[in-house]
Amino acid sequence: MVAKIAKFVVFAFFLTNFVEARKVEGDVVDVAIAAGNFKTLVQLLTDLELVDALREAQAQTIFAPSDEAFAKLPEGTLESLTTEQALAIVLRHVVGGATVLAADVTTGPVETLGGEVIDLIKTDAGGVQISYMGNVVNVVTADVMASNGVIHVIDEVILPEAEPELGDVVDVAIAAGSFTTLVKLLSDLGLVDALREAEAQTIFAPSDDAFAKLPEGTLESLTPEQALAIVLRHVVGGATVPAADVTTGPVETLGGEVLDLIKTDDGGVQISYMGNLINVVAADVMASNGVIHVIDQVILPKAEEPEECKGCREGAGIIFSHLNGGSLDSIIQLFDSKICRNEENPGTCVEGVNTWWPVIAKIIYNNAAARKVCTALSQGECEAQKAWDCDACVGFVGAVAHVYGSDEGVNAITLALEGESFCKSEEMALDEETMHKCIREIKHFMPRALHVVGKALHEQSHHICRDWFHGICHHG
């Protein structure tokens, strides 16, 4: 009997101690204060008057950043927060209405007391992580129990992932790797520090490809004053303007010049400067003190056409106009008599000539074509190709004929027409079947047509020049 009583007393003693061990002292606030490593969090709760709310809650799960976690924040972060911002951050760490131990956590979203959603992750090792807007936070100590909830200690404050710190406009340009020419110019002109120190700026930056479009030796031939003027023309100081905020109108550059910005219908940006039009090809390359918009050309005045080129182009334009007008029938007759008679099916050839030549002539004989012909005639210089008298006129027409009648000229013009896809143009307005026929004609008909044009120009040179000079010429 005594032995039984002794056993019962021992059992009661261990049971009492077990119950006492399982008894939790204090609510979540008391437990946080007693732990001693949540001073920053407790101070925030006090400042925001949340202490009573947490004490009175019946069940809650708190992901509590330790003082070490708060210490990881950049200096001055907490002091810079508004009351609303601080409240949103604190409530993001509390899941109300449930006391969830780490063992019971499952991967998935949960709503916080502030109405936001955080994603809980149960790791393979049984740990718990919190994912929030790209940032992953770890539970480093789980299941700190309180009378009205549980605290899981975390190693970071639950905030969005920090954006990488941006460098200044010079750092960004160097890092991009496609502005080596521009960066060298800035360095040579002693402008690097000025751009680094500026607080706001918008730079229209020519890429290395844009600089490569300049004629060889252009940069090397510039004086320091000229180079400085060009570089400053690409910088608008005092404002960081993303492409979305650009409006059509003039802006003054750092060099005191005026550029005209153009906002296109599709939201793009162009720069107009002294007759030249430059395109922004990559917008909104952000830096800590400005924005870079990448452009496809250096901002320079449009190159003036030399007088020789102008005369050549106007002369070619007159010839082409003549061919597209009064001489059109005679050219068609040449096709009929000299080309189509040798074809296996002359009727089909004649039909093609009559159908397509008038349209093709309009495409070929225009100012753009005239400019290309003049460039070809003079290897880009347009030297001495004016037709001031009848003899020169005949020689000029012969030169044009040579371009059109040569294999090189034929190939170049045929390829140009294919590249411009005029068969698909709105002006042509062809249905699908006719469009494909047009493309076939370009490939097979155009080479023959252009050889005939060259021959026609030779044969009619005096007649053309007589019309050109309104009867002043008396040749032929």
Protein backbone atom coordinates (compact mmCIF):
# COMPACT_ATOMS: atom_id res chain seq x y z
CA MET A 1 0.00 0.00 0.00
CA VAL A 2 2.80 2.40 0.90
CA ALA A 3 4.56 1.54 -2.36
CA LYS A 4 1.46 2.38 -4.35
CA ILE A 5 1.10 5.75 -2.59
CA ALA A 6 4.76 6.53 -3.28
CA LYS A 7 4.35 5.76 -6.97
CA PHE A 8 1.26 8.00 -7.17
CA VAL A 9 3.10 10.92 -5.50
CA VAL A 10 6.01 10.60 -7.94
CA PHE A 11 3.59 10.49 -10.93
CA ALA A 12 1.72 13.55 -9.63
CA PHE A 13 5.00 15.41 -9.16
CA PHE A 14 6.15 14.79 -12.74
CA LEU A 15 2.68 15.57 -14.13
CA THR A 16 2.59 18.90 -12.28
CA ASN A 17 6.06 19.84 -13.56
CA PHE A 18 5.13 18.79 -17.10
CA VAL A 19 2.03 21.00 -17.05
CA GLU A 20 4.05 23.89 -15.61
CA ALA A 21 6.66 23.44 -18.34
CA ARG A 22 3.98 23.61 -21.02
CA LYS A 23 2.34 26.68 -19.50
CA VAL A 24 3.14 29.83 -21.56
CA GLU A 25 3.72 33.03 -19.67
CA GLY A 26 2.59 36.31 -21.33
CA ASP A 27 1.09 37.49 -24.59
CA VAL A 28 3.10 38.12 -27.78
CA VAL A 29 4.13 41.59 -26.63
CA ASP A 30 5.30 40.34 -23.23
CA VAL A 31 7.25 37.51 -24.87
CA ALA A 32 8.88 39.91 -27.34
CA ILE A 33 9.91 42.28 -24.56
CA ALA A 34 11.23 39.43 -22.40
CA ALA A 35 13.29 38.01 -25.26
CA GLY A 36 15.35 41.22 -25.36
CA ASN A 37 16.19 41.10 -29.06
CA PHE A 38 13.05 42.81 -30.46
CA LYS A 39 13.65 46.32 -29.08
CA THR A 40 13.24 48.01 -32.48
CA LEU A 41 10.04 46.10 -33.26
CA VAL A 42 8.55 46.82 -29.83
CA GLN A 43 9.41 50.51 -30.20
CA LEU A 44 7.62 50.58 -33.55
CA LEU A 45 4.57 48.87 -32.03
CA THR A 46 4.53 51.47 -29.25
CA ASP A 47 4.95 54.44 -31.60
CA LEU A 48 2.16 53.15 -33.84
CA GLU A 49 -0.11 52.38 -30.85
CA LEU A 50 -0.43 48.71 -31.82
CA VAL A 51 0.54 47.20 -28.45
CA ASP A 52 -3.00 46.89 -27.08
CA ALA A 53 -4.32 45.44 -30.35
CA LEU A 54 -1.71 42.67 -30.29
CA ARG A 55 -2.27 41.97 -26.58
CA GLU A 56 -6.03 41.62 -27.09
CA ALA A 57 -5.86 39.39 -30.16
CA GLN A 58 -6.81 35.77 -29.41
CA ALA A 59 -4.64 34.13 -32.05
CA GLN A 60 -1.89 35.41 -34.38
CA THR A 61 1.32 34.42 -36.13
CA ILE A 62 4.04 37.06 -36.09
CA PHE A 63 7.10 36.96 -38.33
CA ALA A 64 9.27 39.16 -36.13
CA PRO A 65 12.47 40.82 -37.42
CA SER A 66 15.13 40.76 -34.71
CA ASP A 67 17.18 43.84 -33.87
CA GLU A 68 19.93 42.36 -36.07
CA ALA A 69 17.46 42.22 -38.98
CA PHE A 70 16.50 45.88 -38.55
CA ALA A 71 20.21 46.77 -38.36
CA LYS A 72 20.63 45.51 -41.95
CA LEU A 73 18.47 48.35 -43.27
CA PRO A 74 20.32 51.32 -44.80
CA GLU A 75 21.01 54.04 -42.25
CA GLY A 76 18.10 56.42 -41.78
CA THR A 77 15.50 54.10 -43.34
CA LEU A 78 13.17 53.92 -40.34
CA GLU A 79 13.54 57.62 -39.54
CA SER A 80 12.53 58.52 -43.10
CA LEU A 81 9.25 56.57 -43.00
CA THR A 82 5.90 58.28 -42.72
CA THR A 83 3.47 56.90 -40.13
CA GLU A 84 1.47 55.24 -42.92
CA GLN A 85 4.57 53.59 -44.38
CA ALA A 86 5.72 52.30 -40.97
CA LEU A 87 2.24 50.92 -40.21
CA ALA A 88 2.10 49.09 -43.55
CA ILE A 89 5.50 47.48 -42.89
CA VAL A 90 4.63 46.31 -39.35
CA LEU A 91 1.22 44.87 -40.33
CA ARG A 92 2.93 42.99 -43.20
CA HIS A 93 4.62 40.84 -40.52
CA VAL A 94 1.40 39.71 -38.76
CA VAL A 95 -1.05 37.04 -39.87
CA GLY A 96 -4.18 37.42 -37.75
CA GLY A 97 -6.69 34.86 -36.52
CA ALA A 98 -4.44 31.80 -36.44
CA THR A 99 -1.52 30.55 -34.39
CA VAL A 100 0.50 28.48 -36.88
CA LEU A 101 3.55 26.54 -35.77
CA ALA A 102 6.40 25.98 -38.21
CA ALA A 103 5.51 22.30 -38.53
CA ASP A 104 2.02 23.26 -39.74
CA VAL A 105 3.14 25.80 -42.34
CA THR A 106 2.41 24.82 -45.94
CA THR A 107 3.73 26.47 -49.07
CA GLY A 108 1.32 29.07 -50.42
CA PRO A 109 -0.01 32.62 -50.06
CA VAL A 110 -1.39 34.07 -46.84
CA GLU A 111 -3.04 37.41 -46.18
CA THR A 112 -1.46 39.68 -43.58
CA LEU A 113 -3.15 41.94 -41.07
CA GLY A 114 -2.51 44.85 -43.43
CA GLY A 115 -4.36 43.15 -46.30
CA GLU A 116 -1.23 42.32 -48.30
CA VAL A 117 -0.28 38.84 -49.49
CA ILE A 118 2.99 37.16 -48.62
CA ASP A 119 4.04 33.75 -49.93
CA LEU A 120 5.13 31.17 -47.35
CA ILE A 121 7.58 28.49 -48.46
CA LYS A 122 8.12 25.21 -46.61
CA THR A 123 11.66 24.11 -47.42
CA ASP A 124 12.77 20.51 -47.98
CA ALA A 125 14.56 20.65 -44.63
CA GLY A 126 11.36 21.68 -42.84
CA GLY A 127 12.29 25.33 -42.50
CA VAL A 128 10.11 28.32 -43.39
CA GLN A 129 10.76 31.20 -45.76
CA ILE A 130 8.70 34.26 -46.74
CA SER A 131 8.68 35.54 -50.33
CA TYR A 132 7.55 39.11 -50.94
CA MET A 133 7.97 41.09 -54.18
CA GLY A 134 11.17 39.37 -55.22
CA ASN A 135 12.73 39.23 -51.74
CA VAL A 136 13.10 36.00 -49.75
CA VAL A 137 13.28 36.18 -45.94
CA ASN A 138 14.26 33.25 -43.69
CA VAL A 139 12.77 32.12 -40.39
CA VAL A 140 15.86 31.60 -38.23
CA THR A 141 14.09 30.69 -34.96
CA ALA A 142 10.61 29.17 -35.07
CA ASP A 143 7.83 28.59 -32.53
CA VAL A 144 8.51 31.19 -29.82
CA MET A 145 5.18 30.58 -28.07
CA ALA A 146 2.96 33.15 -26.34
CA SER A 147 -0.45 32.89 -24.69
CA ASN A 148 -2.18 34.40 -27.74
CA GLY A 149 0.04 33.51 -30.65
CA VAL A 150 3.41 32.40 -31.92
CA ILE A 151 6.49 34.35 -32.96
CA HIS A 152 8.80 33.19 -35.75
CA VAL A 153 12.06 35.16 -35.74
CA ILE A 154 13.20 36.28 -39.23
CA ASP A 155 16.56 37.51 -40.51
CA GLU A 156 15.31 40.49 -42.56
CA VAL A 157 12.49 43.00 -42.54
CA ILE A 158 9.87 41.95 -45.10
CA LEU A 159 10.38 44.54 -47.83
CA PRO A 160 10.40 44.44 -51.66
CA GLU A 161 13.70 43.41 -53.22
CA ALA A 162 15.98 46.42 -53.33
CA GLU A 163 16.63 47.76 -56.81
CA PRO A 164 20.31 47.77 -57.75
CA GLU A 165 21.89 51.14 -57.20
CA LEU A 166 22.19 53.08 -60.44
CA GLY A 167 25.41 54.70 -61.49
CA ASP A 168 25.59 58.21 -62.92
CA VAL A 169 25.15 58.82 -66.64
CA VAL A 170 28.86 58.33 -67.34
CA ASP A 171 29.00 55.04 -65.40
CA VAL A 172 25.88 53.78 -67.21
CA ALA A 173 27.30 54.75 -70.61
CA ILE A 174 30.58 52.98 -69.88
CA ALA A 175 28.82 49.86 -68.57
CA ALA A 176 26.61 49.67 -71.68
CA GLY A 177 29.70 49.15 -73.84
CA SER A 178 28.12 50.72 -76.94
CA PHE A 179 29.15 54.33 -76.31
CA THR A 180 32.93 54.07 -76.45
CA THR A 181 33.27 56.89 -78.99
CA LEU A 182 31.03 59.22 -77.00
CA VAL A 183 32.78 58.44 -73.71
CA LYS A 184 36.17 59.12 -75.32
CA LEU A 185 34.91 62.47 -76.60
CA LEU A 186 33.65 63.37 -73.11
CA SER A 187 37.02 62.42 -71.67
CA ASP A 188 39.02 64.32 -74.30
CA LEU A 189 36.88 67.44 -73.76
CA GLY A 190 37.07 67.26 -69.95
CA LEU A 191 33.30 66.88 -69.57
CA VAL A 192 33.19 63.68 -67.50
CA ASP A 193 33.13 65.36 -64.09
CA ALA A 194 30.53 67.90 -65.19
CA LEU A 195 28.13 65.17 -66.28
CA ARG A 196 28.81 63.12 -63.14
CA GLU A 197 28.06 66.10 -60.89
CA ALA A 198 24.88 67.22 -62.67
CA GLU A 199 21.74 66.44 -60.68
CA ALA A 200 19.40 65.97 -63.65
CA GLN A 201 19.90 65.72 -67.40
CA THR A 202 18.55 64.11 -70.55
CA ILE A 203 21.18 62.85 -72.97
CA PHE A 204 20.49 61.90 -76.58
CA ALA A 205 23.46 59.58 -76.98
CA PRO A 206 24.75 58.45 -80.37
CA SER A 207 25.83 54.83 -80.21
CA ASP A 208 29.12 53.66 -81.69
CA ASP A 209 27.11 52.54 -84.73
CA ALA A 210 25.77 56.08 -85.11
CA PHE A 211 29.28 57.57 -85.03
CA ALA A 212 30.41 54.95 -87.55
CA LYS A 213 27.99 56.46 -90.09
CA LEU A 214 30.02 59.69 -90.22
CA PRO A 215 32.37 60.09 -93.20
CA GLU A 216 35.84 58.78 -92.45
CA GLY A 217 38.03 61.33 -90.70
CA THR A 218 35.14 63.54 -89.54
CA LEU A 219 35.90 63.38 -85.81
CA GLU A 220 39.65 63.69 -86.34
CA SER A 221 39.16 66.86 -88.38
CA LEU A 222 37.18 68.68 -85.67
CA THR A 223 38.70 71.44 -83.58
CA PRO A 224 38.09 71.16 -79.80
CA GLU A 225 35.54 73.96 -80.09
CA GLN A 226 33.62 72.14 -82.84
CA ALA A 227 33.70 68.84 -80.94
CA LEU A 228 32.46 70.57 -77.77
CA ALA A 229 29.58 72.19 -79.64
CA ILE A 230 28.54 68.83 -81.09
CA VAL A 231 28.66 66.99 -77.75
CA LEU A 232 26.76 69.71 -75.85
CA ARG A 233 24.11 69.63 -78.58
CA HIS A 234 23.17 66.16 -77.34
CA VAL A 235 22.54 67.15 -73.70
CA VAL A 236 19.47 68.86 -72.21
CA GLY A 237 20.40 69.99 -68.71
CA GLY A 238 18.31 70.41 -65.59
CA ALA A 239 15.64 67.80 -66.32
CA THR A 240 15.41 64.01 -66.50
CA VAL A 241 12.72 63.37 -69.12
CA PRO A 242 11.68 59.78 -69.97
CA ALA A 243 10.34 59.14 -73.46
CA ALA A 244 6.74 58.94 -72.21
CA ASP A 245 6.95 62.54 -71.00
CA VAL A 246 8.43 64.00 -74.20
CA THR A 247 6.13 66.42 -76.02
CA THR A 248 6.57 67.82 -79.49
CA GLY A 249 8.34 71.17 -79.39
CA PRO A 250 11.66 72.98 -79.02
CA VAL A 251 14.15 72.39 -76.19
CA GLU A 252 17.39 74.19 -75.42
CA THR A 253 20.55 72.13 -75.15
CA LEU A 254 23.46 72.54 -72.76
CA GLY A 255 25.32 74.32 -75.56
CA GLY A 256 22.56 76.92 -75.98
CA GLU A 257 21.26 75.53 -79.28
CA VAL A 258 17.63 74.55 -79.94
CA LEU A 259 16.50 71.07 -80.92
CA ASP A 260 12.97 70.25 -82.03
CA LEU A 261 11.65 67.12 -80.36
CA ILE A 262 8.91 65.18 -82.12
CA LYS A 263 6.61 62.69 -80.35
CA THR A 264 5.49 60.23 -83.02
CA ASP A 265 2.02 58.71 -83.26
CA ASP A 266 3.31 55.38 -81.97
CA GLY A 267 4.98 56.98 -78.93
CA GLY A 268 8.51 57.16 -80.32
CA VAL A 269 10.78 60.18 -80.20
CA GLN A 270 12.63 61.96 -83.00
CA ILE A 271 14.95 64.97 -83.03
CA SER A 272 14.83 67.54 -85.81
CA TYR A 273 17.89 69.75 -86.26
CA MET A 274 18.62 72.00 -89.25
CA GLY A 275 16.90 69.77 -91.79
CA ASN A 276 18.14 66.48 -90.35
CA LEU A 277 15.87 63.96 -88.61
CA ILE A 278 17.32 61.63 -85.96
CA ASN A 279 15.51 58.70 -84.32
CA VAL A 280 15.59 57.52 -80.73
CA VAL A 281 16.14 53.78 -81.12
CA ALA A 282 16.36 52.83 -77.41
CA ALA A 283 14.68 55.03 -74.79
CA ASP A 284 14.89 55.38 -71.01
CA VAL A 285 18.32 54.03 -70.12
CA MET A 286 18.12 55.28 -66.54
CA ALA A 287 20.97 56.61 -64.40
CA SER A 288 21.11 58.07 -60.90
CA ASN A 289 21.34 61.60 -62.27
CA GLY A 290 19.61 61.47 -65.61
CA VAL A 291 18.33 59.42 -68.51
CA ILE A 292 19.97 58.35 -71.76
CA HIS A 293 18.04 57.99 -75.01
CA VAL A 294 20.06 56.15 -77.67
CA ILE A 295 19.92 57.73 -81.15
CA ASP A 296 20.81 56.39 -84.58
CA GLN A 297 22.78 59.40 -85.87
CA VAL A 298 24.97 62.14 -84.51
CA ILE A 299 22.92 65.36 -84.32
CA LEU A 300 24.38 67.40 -87.18
CA PRO A 301 22.88 69.72 -89.81
CA LYS A 302 21.67 67.99 -92.92
CA ALA A 303 24.51 67.88 -95.43
CA GLU A 304 23.99 70.45 -98.16
CA GLU A 305 23.83 69.13 -101.69
CA PRO A 306 26.73 70.44 -103.81
CA GLU A 307 25.69 72.68 -106.69
CA GLU A 308 27.05 70.11 -109.13
CA CYS A 309 24.78 67.45 -107.66
CA LYS A 310 21.79 69.76 -107.75
CA GLY A 311 22.33 70.51 -111.43
CA CYS A 312 22.82 66.85 -112.22
CA ARG A 313 19.72 65.83 -110.30
CA GLU A 314 17.55 68.48 -111.93
CA GLY A 315 18.83 67.50 -115.38
CA ALA A 316 18.16 63.83 -114.74
CA GLY A 317 14.72 64.72 -113.45
CA ILE A 318 13.90 66.48 -116.72
CA ILE A 319 15.08 63.49 -118.74
CA PHE A 320 13.05 61.13 -116.63
CA SER A 321 10.00 63.34 -116.91
CA HIS A 322 10.42 63.28 -120.68
CA LEU A 323 10.67 59.49 -120.71
CA ASN A 324 7.62 59.21 -118.49
CA GLY A 325 5.69 61.50 -120.79
CA GLY A 326 6.05 61.95 -124.55
CA SER A 327 8.64 59.23 -125.07
CA LEU A 328 6.75 56.54 -123.19
CA ASP A 329 4.97 55.27 -126.30
CA SER A 330 8.18 55.10 -128.30
CA ILE A 331 9.86 53.09 -125.53
CA ILE A 332 6.95 50.66 -125.52
CA GLN A 333 7.30 50.36 -129.28
CA LEU A 334 10.97 49.56 -128.80
CA PHE A 335 9.99 46.77 -126.45
CA ASP A 336 7.47 45.48 -128.95
CA SER A 337 9.83 45.56 -131.94
CA LYS A 338 13.22 44.70 -130.43
CA ILE A 339 12.40 42.44 -127.47
CA CYS A 340 9.02 40.81 -127.78
CA ARG A 341 9.52 39.61 -131.37
CA ASN A 342 12.28 37.31 -130.09
CA GLU A 343 10.19 35.85 -127.30
CA GLU A 344 8.57 32.42 -127.56
CA ASN A 345 5.21 34.06 -126.87
CA PRO A 346 5.35 37.62 -128.30
CA GLY A 347 1.73 38.33 -127.38
CA THR A 348 2.35 37.68 -123.71
CA CYS A 349 5.48 39.85 -123.82
CA VAL A 350 3.59 42.76 -125.40
CA GLU A 351 0.84 42.42 -122.80
CA GLY A 352 3.45 42.57 -120.04
CA VAL A 353 5.08 45.65 -121.57
CA ASN A 354 1.81 47.52 -121.93
CA THR A 355 0.64 46.53 -118.45
CA TRP A 356 3.75 47.03 -116.37
CA TRP A 357 6.04 49.51 -118.09
CA PRO A 358 3.90 52.65 -117.39
CA VAL A 359 3.79 51.73 -113.69
CA ILE A 360 7.47 50.80 -113.50
CA ALA A 361 8.43 54.03 -115.26
CA LYS A 362 6.70 56.06 -112.57
CA ILE A 363 8.63 54.20 -109.90
CA ILE A 364 12.01 54.56 -111.62
CA TYR A 365 11.78 58.10 -112.93
CA ASN A 366 11.56 60.23 -109.83
CA ASN A 367 13.84 62.55 -107.89
CA ALA A 368 15.17 59.79 -105.66
CA ALA A 369 16.14 57.73 -108.69
CA ALA A 370 17.69 60.81 -110.31
CA ARG A 371 19.85 61.39 -107.25
CA LYS A 372 21.06 57.76 -107.33
CA VAL A 373 21.91 58.02 -111.02
CA CYS A 374 23.90 61.23 -110.48
CA THR A 375 25.80 59.62 -107.63
CA ALA A 376 26.60 56.62 -109.81
CA LEU A 377 27.71 58.86 -112.69
CA SER A 378 30.26 60.72 -110.60
CA GLN A 379 31.32 58.18 -107.95
CA GLY A 380 29.56 60.27 -105.31
CA GLU A 381 31.11 63.60 -106.27
CA CYS A 382 28.73 64.84 -109.01
CA GLU A 383 31.75 66.42 -110.72
CA ALA A 384 31.29 68.22 -113.99
CA GLN A 385 28.03 66.53 -114.87
CA LYS A 386 26.15 69.74 -115.60
CA ALA A 387 24.50 69.91 -119.00
CA TRP A 388 24.95 73.60 -119.83
CA ASP A 389 25.05 73.16 -123.61
CA CYS A 390 23.78 70.78 -126.22
CA ASP A 391 26.96 68.75 -126.59
CA ALA A 392 27.25 68.36 -122.85
CA CYS A 393 23.58 67.42 -122.73
CA VAL A 394 24.06 64.65 -125.28
CA GLY A 395 27.08 63.39 -123.36
CA PHE A 396 25.11 63.50 -120.14
CA VAL A 397 22.21 61.54 -121.59
CA GLY A 398 24.71 59.00 -122.88
CA ALA A 399 26.17 58.64 -119.40
CA VAL A 400 22.71 58.08 -117.93
CA ALA A 401 22.05 55.52 -120.63
CA HIS A 402 25.26 53.74 -119.72
CA VAL A 403 24.17 53.48 -116.09
CA TYR A 404 20.79 52.09 -117.02
CA GLY A 405 22.10 49.80 -119.74
CA SER A 406 25.04 48.32 -117.80
CA ASP A 407 24.77 45.07 -115.90
CA GLU A 408 25.64 46.87 -112.66
CA GLY A 409 22.91 49.46 -113.22
CA VAL A 410 20.34 46.82 -114.13
CA ASN A 411 21.12 44.73 -111.05
CA ALA A 412 21.14 47.72 -108.70
CA ILE A 413 17.80 49.09 -109.91
CA THR A 414 16.13 45.67 -109.94
CA LEU A 415 17.27 44.98 -106.40
CA ALA A 416 16.16 48.44 -105.28
CA LEU A 417 12.67 47.86 -106.63
CA GLU A 418 12.47 44.47 -104.95
CA GLY A 419 13.72 45.97 -101.67
CA GLU A 420 11.18 48.78 -101.77
CA SER A 421 8.43 46.18 -102.36
CA PHE A 422 6.48 48.58 -104.53
CA CYS A 423 4.30 45.69 -105.72
CA LYS A 424 2.93 45.56 -102.15
CA SER A 425 2.55 49.31 -101.76
CA GLU A 426 -0.76 51.05 -101.05
CA GLU A 427 -0.31 53.10 -104.23
CA MET A 428 -0.34 49.92 -106.34
CA ALA A 429 -3.36 48.47 -104.45
CA LEU A 430 -2.95 45.06 -106.04
CA ASP A 431 -4.85 41.94 -105.09
CA GLU A 432 -2.85 38.89 -103.96
CA GLU A 433 -2.64 37.21 -107.37
CA THR A 434 -1.71 40.39 -109.23
CA MET A 435 0.83 41.30 -106.58
CA HIS A 436 2.66 38.00 -107.08
CA LYS A 437 2.57 38.57 -110.84
CA CYS A 438 4.08 42.02 -110.28
CA ILE A 439 6.91 40.52 -108.23
CA ARG A 440 7.59 37.96 -110.98
CA GLU A 441 7.74 40.72 -113.58
CA ILE A 442 10.25 42.65 -111.47
CA LYS A 443 12.58 39.66 -111.42
CA HIS A 444 12.26 38.63 -115.08
CA PHE A 445 11.04 41.67 -116.99
CA MET A 446 13.02 44.49 -115.38
CA PRO A 447 16.52 43.47 -116.53
CA ARG A 448 15.39 43.40 -120.18
CA ALA A 449 13.43 46.61 -119.72
CA LEU A 450 16.40 48.52 -118.35
CA HIS A 451 18.70 47.45 -121.17
CA VAL A 452 16.12 48.81 -123.61
CA VAL A 453 15.91 52.08 -121.66
CA GLY A 454 19.66 52.47 -122.00
CA LYS A 455 19.44 51.92 -125.76
CA ALA A 456 16.49 54.30 -126.05
CA LEU A 457 18.37 57.03 -124.23
CA HIS A 458 21.28 56.71 -126.67
CA GLU A 459 19.01 56.76 -129.71
CA GLN A 460 16.95 59.72 -128.51
CA SER A 461 19.63 61.84 -126.86
CA HIS A 462 19.46 64.71 -129.37
CA HIS A 463 15.68 64.72 -129.36
CA ILE A 464 15.63 64.77 -125.56
CA CYS A 465 18.14 67.60 -125.37
CA ARG A 466 16.28 69.66 -127.95
CA ASP A 467 13.13 69.44 -125.84
CA TRP A 468 15.16 70.11 -122.71
CA PHE A 469 16.54 73.38 -124.07
CA HIS A 470 13.25 74.39 -125.72
CA GLY A 471 14.61 74.36 -129.27
CA ILE A 472 17.93 76.11 -128.55
CA CYS A 473 19.81 72.98 -129.60
CA HIS A 474 20.01 72.39 -133.35
CA HIS A 475 21.59 68.97 -133.32
CA GLY A 476 19.83 66.23 -135.25
